[in-house]
Protein backbone atom coordinates (compact mmCIF):
# COMPACT_ATOMS: atom_id res chain seq x y z
CA MET A 1 -10.66 -43.66 48.05
CA LYS A 2 -11.51 -40.41 49.81
CA LYS A 3 -8.13 -38.92 48.90
CA ARG A 4 -8.66 -39.94 45.27
CA LYS A 5 -11.99 -38.14 45.18
CA ILE A 6 -10.38 -35.05 46.66
CA VAL A 7 -7.61 -35.15 44.02
CA LEU A 8 -10.13 -35.61 41.20
CA ALA A 9 -12.23 -32.78 42.55
CA ALA A 10 -9.18 -30.54 42.75
CA ILE A 11 -8.19 -31.41 39.17
CA PHE A 12 -11.75 -30.73 38.01
CA LEU A 13 -11.75 -27.35 39.77
CA VAL A 14 -8.38 -26.44 38.21
CA LEU A 15 -9.61 -27.44 34.73
CA LEU A 16 -12.87 -25.56 35.27
CA THR A 17 -10.96 -22.49 36.41
CA LEU A 18 -8.64 -22.71 33.39
CA GLY A 19 -11.62 -23.22 31.11
CA LEU A 20 -13.42 -20.20 32.52
CA TRP A 21 -10.22 -18.12 32.32
CA GLY A 22 -9.72 -19.20 28.69
CA LEU A 23 -13.34 -18.38 27.90
CA VAL A 24 -13.08 -14.94 29.48
CA ARG A 25 -9.66 -14.32 27.90
CA PHE A 26 -10.12 -15.70 24.39
CA PHE A 27 -13.82 -15.61 23.55
CA PRO A 28 -13.79 -11.82 22.97
CA LEU A 29 -10.81 -12.34 20.62
CA TRP A 30 -12.67 -15.10 18.79
CA ARG A 31 -15.72 -12.84 18.45
CA THR A 32 -13.51 -10.00 17.19
CA GLY A 33 -11.83 -12.39 14.74
CA LYS A 34 -15.26 -13.36 13.43
CA ILE A 35 -16.21 -9.69 12.99
CA ILE A 36 -12.99 -9.04 11.06
CA TRP A 37 -13.56 -12.16 8.95
CA GLU A 38 -17.12 -11.07 8.09
CA ASN A 39 -15.95 -7.58 7.13
CA MET A 40 -12.92 -8.72 5.14
CA ASN A 41 -15.15 -11.06 3.11
CA SER A 42 -17.17 -8.09 1.91
CA GLU A 43 -17.52 -7.96 -1.87
CA GLN A 44 -16.76 -4.24 -1.81
CA TYR A 45 -14.04 -2.21 -0.11
CA ALA A 46 -12.01 0.95 -0.44
CA TYR A 47 -8.22 0.86 -0.33
CA GLU A 48 -5.09 2.98 -0.42
CA LEU A 49 -1.63 1.72 -1.31
CA LYS A 50 1.59 3.65 -0.84
CA VAL A 51 4.40 2.05 -2.79
CA GLU A 52 8.08 2.87 -2.92
CA LEU A 53 9.69 1.09 -5.84
CA ASP A 54 13.20 -0.36 -5.65
CA GLN A 55 14.99 1.19 -8.61
CA GLU A 56 17.60 -1.57 -8.73
CA LYS A 57 14.96 -4.30 -9.01
CA LEU A 58 12.89 -2.82 -11.84
CA THR A 59 12.93 -4.62 -15.16
CA GLU A 60 13.99 -2.90 -18.37
CA GLY A 61 10.34 -2.67 -19.40
CA GLN A 62 9.31 -1.07 -16.10
CA GLU A 63 12.14 1.44 -16.31
CA LYS A 64 11.01 2.20 -19.84
CA VAL A 65 7.50 3.04 -18.59
CA LEU A 66 8.85 5.46 -15.98
CA ARG A 67 11.33 6.99 -18.40
CA HIS A 68 8.61 7.66 -20.97
CA LEU A 69 6.21 9.11 -18.41
CA THR A 70 8.95 11.32 -16.97
CA TRP A 71 9.90 13.02 -20.21
CA LEU A 72 6.33 13.15 -21.49
CA THR A 73 4.75 14.64 -18.34
CA GLY A 74 7.65 16.50 -16.72
CA ILE A 75 6.96 14.78 -13.40
CA ASP A 76 10.10 14.39 -11.29
CA ARG A 77 11.71 11.00 -11.81
CA GLU A 78 12.01 10.32 -8.08
CA ALA A 79 8.29 11.04 -7.62
CA MET A 80 7.56 8.23 -10.08
CA TYR A 81 9.21 5.77 -7.69
CA ARG A 82 6.85 6.74 -4.86
CA LEU A 83 3.24 6.18 -5.82
CA THR A 84 -0.07 6.38 -4.00
CA ILE A 85 -2.90 4.28 -5.41
CA ARG A 86 -6.45 4.87 -4.20
CA GLY A 87 -9.67 3.26 -5.28
CA SER A 88 -12.32 0.62 -4.74
CA VAL A 89 -12.88 -3.06 -5.36
CA GLN A 90 -16.33 -4.49 -6.06
CA GLU A 91 -16.44 -8.25 -6.58
CA LYS A 92 -13.81 -8.68 -9.36
CA LYS A 93 -13.97 -5.10 -10.60
CA ILE A 94 -11.20 -2.67 -9.65
CA HIS A 95 -11.01 1.10 -9.87
CA ALA A 96 -7.61 2.68 -9.20
CA MET A 97 -6.29 6.26 -9.30
CA ILE A 98 -2.51 6.63 -9.41
CA TYR A 99 -0.73 9.62 -7.84
CA PRO A 100 3.03 10.24 -8.10
CA GLU A 101 4.51 11.61 -4.88
CA GLY A 102 3.33 15.16 -4.18
CA ALA A 103 0.63 15.18 -6.87
CA GLU A 104 -2.82 16.53 -5.99
CA ASP A 105 -4.49 15.10 -9.09
CA PRO A 106 -4.08 11.52 -10.33
CA LEU A 107 -1.71 10.97 -13.23
CA THR A 108 -4.24 8.47 -14.51
CA GLU A 109 -6.91 6.01 -13.42
CA PHE A 110 -7.88 2.59 -14.63
CA TYR A 111 -10.79 0.18 -14.45
CA LEU A 112 -10.27 -3.57 -14.51
CA ASP A 113 -12.93 -6.27 -14.86
CA GLY A 114 -11.54 -9.66 -15.78
CA ASP A 115 -9.93 -9.40 -19.21
CA ASN A 116 -11.39 -5.94 -19.78
CA CYS A 117 -9.08 -3.10 -18.72
CA VAL A 118 -9.42 0.56 -19.66
CA ILE A 119 -7.24 3.51 -18.66
CA SER A 120 -8.10 7.21 -18.56
CA GLU A 121 -6.72 8.62 -21.80
CA SER A 122 -7.87 12.15 -20.90
CA ALA A 123 -5.79 12.32 -17.72
CA ILE A 124 -2.63 11.04 -19.40
CA TYR A 125 -3.17 13.11 -22.55
CA ASN A 126 -3.71 16.40 -20.70
CA ALA A 127 -0.74 15.78 -18.38
CA ILE A 128 1.45 15.15 -21.43
CA ARG A 129 -0.04 18.04 -23.39
CA ASN A 130 0.35 20.59 -20.59
CA HIS A 131 4.01 19.71 -20.16
CA LEU A 132 4.98 19.49 -23.83
CA VAL A 133 3.13 22.67 -24.80
CA GLU A 134 5.15 24.53 -22.17
CA GLN A 135 8.32 23.14 -23.68
CA TYR A 136 7.45 23.36 -27.39
CA ARG A 137 4.79 25.90 -28.34
CA ILE A 138 4.43 24.49 -31.82
CA LEU A 139 2.65 21.51 -30.28
CA ARG A 140 -0.37 23.70 -29.40
CA LEU A 141 -1.46 23.18 -33.01
CA LEU A 142 -0.90 19.44 -32.91
CA MET A 143 -2.30 18.72 -29.43
CA PRO A 144 -5.55 20.56 -28.64
CA GLU A 145 -6.80 20.48 -25.04
CA GLN A 146 -9.12 17.55 -24.32
CA LYS A 147 -12.10 18.23 -22.04
CA GLU A 148 -14.16 15.09 -22.60
CA ALA A 149 -13.41 12.11 -20.35
CA LEU A 150 -12.20 9.33 -22.64
CA TYR A 151 -10.63 5.96 -21.96
CA ILE A 152 -8.27 3.71 -23.86
CA SER A 153 -7.94 -0.06 -23.98
CA MET A 154 -4.88 -1.96 -22.81
CA GLU A 155 -3.93 -2.65 -26.42
CA GLN A 156 -3.98 1.07 -27.19
CA VAL A 157 -1.78 1.78 -24.14
CA GLU A 158 0.73 -0.76 -25.43
CA GLN A 159 0.71 0.96 -28.82
CA LEU A 160 0.99 4.43 -27.30
CA PHE A 161 3.97 3.66 -25.05
CA ASP A 162 5.62 0.74 -26.88
CA LEU A 163 4.99 -1.48 -23.86
CA ASP A 164 3.97 -5.01 -22.97
CA MET A 165 1.22 -4.79 -20.31
CA GLU A 166 0.66 -8.52 -19.93
CA GLY A 167 1.27 -8.34 -16.16
CA LEU A 168 -1.59 -5.90 -15.61
CA ARG A 169 -3.86 -7.65 -18.10
CA SER A 170 -3.54 -10.95 -16.23
CA PHE A 171 -4.07 -9.37 -12.80
CA ASP A 172 -6.84 -11.09 -10.81
CA VAL A 173 -8.41 -10.23 -7.47
CA SER A 174 -10.27 -13.51 -7.15
CA LYS A 175 -10.48 -14.63 -3.51
CA GLU A 176 -10.42 -18.31 -4.37
CA GLU A 177 -7.94 -20.15 -2.16
CA LYS A 178 -6.83 -16.85 -0.61
CA ASP A 179 -9.40 -16.40 2.15
CA ILE A 180 -8.16 -16.08 5.72
CA SER A 181 -10.29 -18.13 8.11
CA VAL A 182 -11.85 -17.01 11.40
CA TRP A 183 -9.33 -19.27 13.16
CA GLN A 184 -6.39 -17.52 11.47
CA TYR A 185 -7.74 -14.09 12.40
CA PHE A 186 -8.14 -15.35 15.98
CA LEU A 187 -4.52 -16.58 16.05
CA MET A 188 -3.43 -13.23 14.64
CA LEU A 189 -5.24 -11.32 17.39
CA THR A 190 -3.73 -13.46 20.17
CA ALA A 191 -0.28 -12.28 19.02
CA MET A 192 -1.26 -8.60 19.00
CA SER A 193 -1.39 -5.94 21.68
CA GLU A 194 -4.81 -4.50 22.41
CA LYS A 195 -5.97 -1.05 23.44
CA LYS A 196 -9.33 0.66 23.68
CA GLU A 197 -9.76 4.27 22.68
CA ASP A 198 -12.78 6.59 22.79
CA LYS A 199 -14.85 5.10 20.01
CA SER A 200 -12.53 2.42 18.71
CA HIS A 201 -10.81 -0.83 19.57
CA VAL A 202 -7.27 -1.18 18.22
CA PHE A 203 -5.06 -4.26 17.83
CA GLU A 204 -1.38 -3.82 16.94
CA LEU A 205 1.46 -6.11 15.91
CA LEU A 206 4.81 -4.31 15.68
CA THR A 207 8.12 -5.79 14.56
CA GLU A 208 11.28 -4.20 13.22
CA LYS A 209 10.02 -4.07 9.61
CA VAL A 210 6.34 -4.97 9.82
CA SER A 211 3.44 -3.28 11.54
CA LEU A 212 -0.17 -4.45 11.39
CA HIS A 213 -3.10 -2.54 12.86
CA TRP A 214 -6.77 -3.52 13.09
CA THR A 215 -9.16 -0.74 14.09
CA LEU A 216 -12.79 -1.56 14.94
CA GLU A 217 -15.35 1.19 15.42
CA GLU A 218 -19.02 0.76 16.34
CA ALA A 219 -21.74 3.19 15.28
CA GLU A 220 -25.46 2.58 15.53
CA GLY A 221 -24.89 -1.09 16.27
CA VAL A 222 -22.70 -1.68 13.21
CA VAL A 223 -18.97 -2.46 13.58
CA SER A 224 -16.66 -1.16 10.84
CA VAL A 225 -13.13 -2.48 10.35
CA LYS A 226 -9.98 -0.87 8.96
CA MET A 227 -6.71 -2.66 8.32
CA LEU A 228 -3.33 -0.90 8.12
CA LEU A 229 -0.30 -2.93 7.08
CA GLU A 230 3.20 -1.44 6.68
CA ILE A 231 6.17 -3.46 5.39
CA GLU A 232 9.75 -2.28 4.85
CA ASP A 233 12.07 -4.11 2.43
CA VAL A 234 9.06 -6.07 1.19
CA ALA A 235 10.66 -8.99 -0.65
CA GLU A 236 13.34 -9.60 1.99
CA THR A 237 10.92 -9.23 4.91
CA MET A 238 8.26 -11.52 3.45
CA ALA A 239 10.90 -14.12 2.68
CA GLU A 240 12.23 -13.97 6.24
CA LYS A 241 8.72 -14.04 7.74
CA GLU A 242 7.25 -16.48 5.21
CA GLU A 243 6.19 -18.99 7.87
CA LEU A 244 4.48 -16.28 9.92
CA PHE A 245 2.69 -14.76 6.92
CA SER A 246 1.62 -18.23 5.79
CA ARG A 247 0.28 -19.14 9.23
CA PHE A 248 -1.85 -15.99 9.28
CA GLY A 249 -3.12 -16.65 5.76
CA PHE A 250 -1.15 -14.04 3.82
CA PRO A 251 0.25 -15.19 0.46
CA ALA A 252 3.89 -16.19 0.13
CA PRO A 253 6.14 -13.58 -1.54
CA ALA A 254 5.55 -13.31 -5.27
CA GLU A 255 7.89 -12.16 -8.02
CA GLN A 256 6.03 -8.85 -8.19
CA SER A 257 7.05 -8.01 -4.63
CA GLU A 258 10.73 -7.91 -5.58
CA MET A 259 10.40 -4.49 -7.19
CA VAL A 260 8.65 -2.99 -4.13
CA LYS A 261 10.93 -1.56 -1.46
CA ASN A 262 8.37 -0.29 1.06
CA LEU A 263 4.62 -0.81 1.13
CA THR A 264 1.69 0.61 3.10
CA VAL A 265 -1.79 -0.87 2.65
CA VAL A 266 -5.05 0.48 4.06
CA ILE A 267 -8.23 -1.55 3.50
CA MET A 268 -11.71 -0.42 4.54
CA PRO A 269 -14.29 -3.18 3.94
CA GLY A 270 -17.79 -2.10 3.00
CA LYS A 271 -16.55 1.31 1.85
CA GLY A 272 -15.95 2.63 -1.64
CA SER A 273 -18.30 3.32 -4.52
CA ASP A 274 -20.05 1.16 -7.08
CA ILE A 275 -17.89 0.49 -10.12
CA ALA A 276 -19.19 0.77 -13.67
CA MET A 277 -16.83 0.10 -16.57
CA PRO A 278 -16.54 3.21 -18.80
CA GLU A 279 -17.85 2.81 -22.32
CA ASN A 280 -16.65 6.09 -23.88
CA LEU A 281 -13.47 4.76 -25.47
CA VAL A 282 -11.20 6.94 -27.57
CA ASN A 283 -11.25 6.62 -31.33
CA GLN A 284 -8.30 4.66 -32.70
CA GLU A 285 -7.51 7.55 -35.05
CA ILE A 286 -6.69 9.75 -32.05
CA ILE A 287 -4.25 7.15 -30.74
CA ASP A 288 -2.61 6.93 -34.16
CA GLY A 289 -2.30 10.74 -34.17
CA ILE A 290 -0.66 10.79 -30.72
CA VAL A 291 1.76 8.08 -31.81
CA LYS A 292 2.75 10.23 -34.80
CA VAL A 293 3.36 13.21 -32.49
CA ARG A 294 5.43 10.98 -30.19
CA ASP A 295 7.53 9.71 -33.09
CA TRP A 296 8.01 13.26 -34.40
CA ILE A 297 9.23 14.40 -30.97
CA ARG A 298 11.63 11.47 -30.76
CA GLU A 299 13.08 12.15 -34.19
CA ASN A 300 13.33 15.94 -33.99
CA LEU A 301 13.48 17.07 -30.38
CA LEU A 302 15.20 14.28 -28.42
CA ASP A 303 18.56 12.57 -28.61
CA GLU A 304 19.08 8.81 -28.31
CA LYS A 305 18.85 9.00 -24.50
CA GLY A 306 15.58 10.92 -24.58
CA THR A 307 17.15 14.27 -23.64
CA PRO A 308 15.73 17.42 -25.32
CA VAL A 309 18.10 18.74 -27.96
CA VAL A 310 16.44 22.19 -28.02
CA SER A 311 16.57 24.32 -24.89
CA ASN A 312 13.49 26.12 -23.64
CA GLU A 313 15.14 29.50 -24.16
CA LYS A 314 15.98 28.80 -27.82
CA GLU A 315 12.52 27.42 -28.52
CA ARG A 316 10.82 30.39 -26.92
CA ALA A 317 13.02 32.77 -28.90
CA ALA A 318 12.06 30.96 -32.10
């Protein structure tokens, strides 16, 4: 009987020791997971995406968009395959500014709120105008400089570029059934390396093609969170790691990921600016006028492949 009590006491001490060790080891991770969960459930955040598109996986319609923008704006074709997108999300409203590689100013920006999507007509128009006027001086008379900030609807974009924008129109940032739980964040952190720096606490998960970083910084009693996710060969990697992504709460690979070769995502919860949908929409007559200019250029200055048939030197001499 005495031996049995000793054994039970020893087992109890071992379990107590393991429990205390687990509490000391994992409770801070659980608390950190809860902080990340609270931040990531913020209704507002700033973000930056760096996207390298896979040219071989683009659809004919997507190639058409890039081809049109290339000859209309003069931006290098390769730069169009490497985009940086910066902006904010507030509830279901999105603001995004799109930069081709190397560009200091955005090619355009758009605002999305449910079914309502508007795109900066001024940015696109002036980029197109500046390029075409350099190539064909006669267009100075047809395309005056536009200083007022105007926006166009998705339907007008489709008319302007002969495109079907259904994919963007149906885009939704609703969090329903997509939330990652505190438990999943905790599991994620247990698989990550941890290091403390001067004013920050960093967690890292590094694999051959995926790297995930959580950075937590405290200032005046408030902890801010930043997430950095980098994925190479996106579609292939997410397919290979589908079970891991699913376990941590990330969505399974979608069809849209097939056209993305490499992806970098930075999310900063609680940051960003308030989003108000622009109301100064461009007059439909202006869109009709631009379409006429586009058709005139196609008929008179471009061959069937979209290559200029008049050289700059000849045009300048004329």
